[in-house]
Amino acid sequence: MKGVLGLIVLLAGCSSTIASKFGGNGDSPGIYTITNLYDGSQASKDRLAGWMDTEAQKVCHSPYSLISEESVPVINRLGEATFSRLVWKIRCRGQVSE
């Protein structure tokens, strides 16, 4: 059973959810939420934060500001935290002239 949960966490960690807020389209300033799963350890959270930084840069096509970061445990039916969800809210700051 732990192997199945590990596989789910691994596969879930390979994809993220990116949601636009307030009409942002990536090319103009907007607010986005990026969500992904990790195993709950600090090392895993740090690796995921690096990956999410790359995703935020891709979404914005420009510098961004991290508005908030939230780590939410995912609880199974036995009341155990099986893994955690890392949620970033970012604001795209617009194009930077070169």
Protein backbone atom coordinates (compact mmCIF):
# COMPACT_ATOMS: atom_id res chain seq x y z
CA MET A 1 0.00 0.00 0.00
CA LYS A 2 2.86 2.42 0.78
CA GLY A 3 4.29 1.68 -2.67
CA VAL A 4 1.03 2.77 -4.29
CA LEU A 5 0.93 5.98 -2.22
CA GLY A 6 4.56 6.66 -3.09
CA LEU A 7 3.78 6.25 -6.78
CA ILE A 8 0.81 8.60 -6.49
CA VAL A 9 2.94 11.24 -4.77
CA LEU A 10 5.69 10.80 -7.37
CA LEU A 11 3.28 11.11 -10.28
CA ALA A 12 1.44 14.00 -8.67
CA GLY A 13 4.78 15.76 -8.15
CA CYS A 14 5.37 15.67 -11.90
CA SER A 15 2.45 17.95 -12.62
CA SER A 16 1.11 21.10 -11.08
CA THR A 17 -2.02 23.15 -11.10
CA ILE A 18 -1.67 26.74 -12.23
CA ALA A 19 -4.75 28.91 -11.93
CA SER A 20 -5.14 32.48 -13.12
CA LYS A 21 -6.75 35.03 -10.83
CA PHE A 22 -8.12 38.46 -11.75
CA GLY A 23 -7.73 37.99 -15.50
CA GLY A 24 -3.93 37.70 -15.67
CA ASN A 25 -2.70 36.13 -18.89
CA GLY A 26 1.02 35.77 -18.24
CA ASP A 27 2.01 38.63 -20.54
CA SER A 28 0.51 41.35 -18.38
CA PRO A 29 0.64 41.77 -14.62
CA GLY A 30 -1.68 39.28 -12.93
CA ILE A 31 -2.05 36.98 -9.96
CA TYR A 32 -1.63 33.21 -10.29
CA THR A 33 -1.80 30.25 -7.93
CA ILE A 34 0.62 27.34 -8.40
CA THR A 35 -0.10 24.13 -6.50
CA ASN A 36 1.85 20.88 -6.22
CA LEU A 37 2.26 17.87 -3.91
CA TYR A 38 5.30 16.74 -1.90
CA ASP A 39 6.01 14.08 0.73
CA GLY A 40 5.96 16.48 3.69
CA SER A 41 9.72 16.56 4.34
CA GLN A 42 11.65 19.84 4.35
CA ALA A 43 14.11 18.54 1.74
CA SER A 44 11.25 17.63 -0.61
CA LYS A 45 9.61 21.02 -0.02
CA ASP A 46 12.88 22.80 -0.85
CA ARG A 47 13.27 20.83 -4.12
CA LEU A 48 9.65 21.54 -5.03
CA ALA A 49 10.11 25.26 -4.30
CA GLY A 50 12.97 25.34 -6.83
CA TRP A 51 10.77 23.66 -9.43
CA MET A 52 7.85 26.01 -8.67
CA ASP A 53 10.18 29.01 -9.07
CA THR A 54 10.94 27.82 -12.61
CA GLU A 55 7.22 27.31 -13.32
CA ALA A 56 6.40 30.81 -12.01
CA GLN A 57 8.99 32.32 -14.34
CA LYS A 58 7.51 30.39 -17.28
CA VAL A 59 3.98 31.52 -16.44
CA CYS A 60 4.89 35.18 -16.06
CA HIS A 61 7.48 35.48 -18.86
CA SER A 62 8.93 38.15 -16.57
CA PRO A 63 9.94 38.65 -12.92
CA TYR A 64 7.34 37.77 -10.32
CA SER A 65 6.66 38.39 -6.64
CA LEU A 66 5.70 35.61 -4.23
CA ILE A 67 2.59 36.91 -2.45
CA SER A 68 2.02 33.90 -0.20
CA GLU A 69 3.16 30.34 0.41
CA GLU A 70 1.02 27.76 2.19
CA SER A 71 1.74 24.13 3.02
CA VAL A 72 -1.46 22.11 3.49
CA PRO A 73 -1.32 18.52 4.77
CA VAL A 74 -3.47 16.01 2.90
CA ILE A 75 -5.23 13.81 5.48
CA ASN A 76 -6.39 10.26 4.71
CA ARG A 77 -9.53 8.67 6.16
CA LEU A 78 -7.52 7.44 9.19
CA GLY A 79 -6.58 11.01 10.10
CA GLU A 80 -2.95 10.61 8.99
CA ALA A 81 -1.11 13.20 6.90
CA THR A 82 -0.05 11.19 3.86
CA PHE A 83 1.55 14.06 1.95
CA SER A 84 1.34 17.84 1.69
CA ARG A 85 0.25 20.37 -0.89
CA LEU A 86 2.43 23.43 -1.46
CA VAL A 87 0.46 26.44 -2.69
CA TRP A 88 2.13 29.59 -4.02
CA LYS A 89 0.28 32.76 -4.93
CA ILE A 90 2.38 34.90 -7.27
CA ARG A 91 2.02 38.27 -8.98
CA CYS A 92 3.58 38.80 -12.39
CA ARG A 93 5.35 42.15 -12.52
CA GLY A 94 5.16 42.65 -16.30
CA GLN A 95 7.81 42.70 -19.00
CA VAL A 96 11.23 44.07 -18.18
CA SER A 97 12.97 46.12 -20.86
CA GLU A 98 16.41 44.83 -21.85
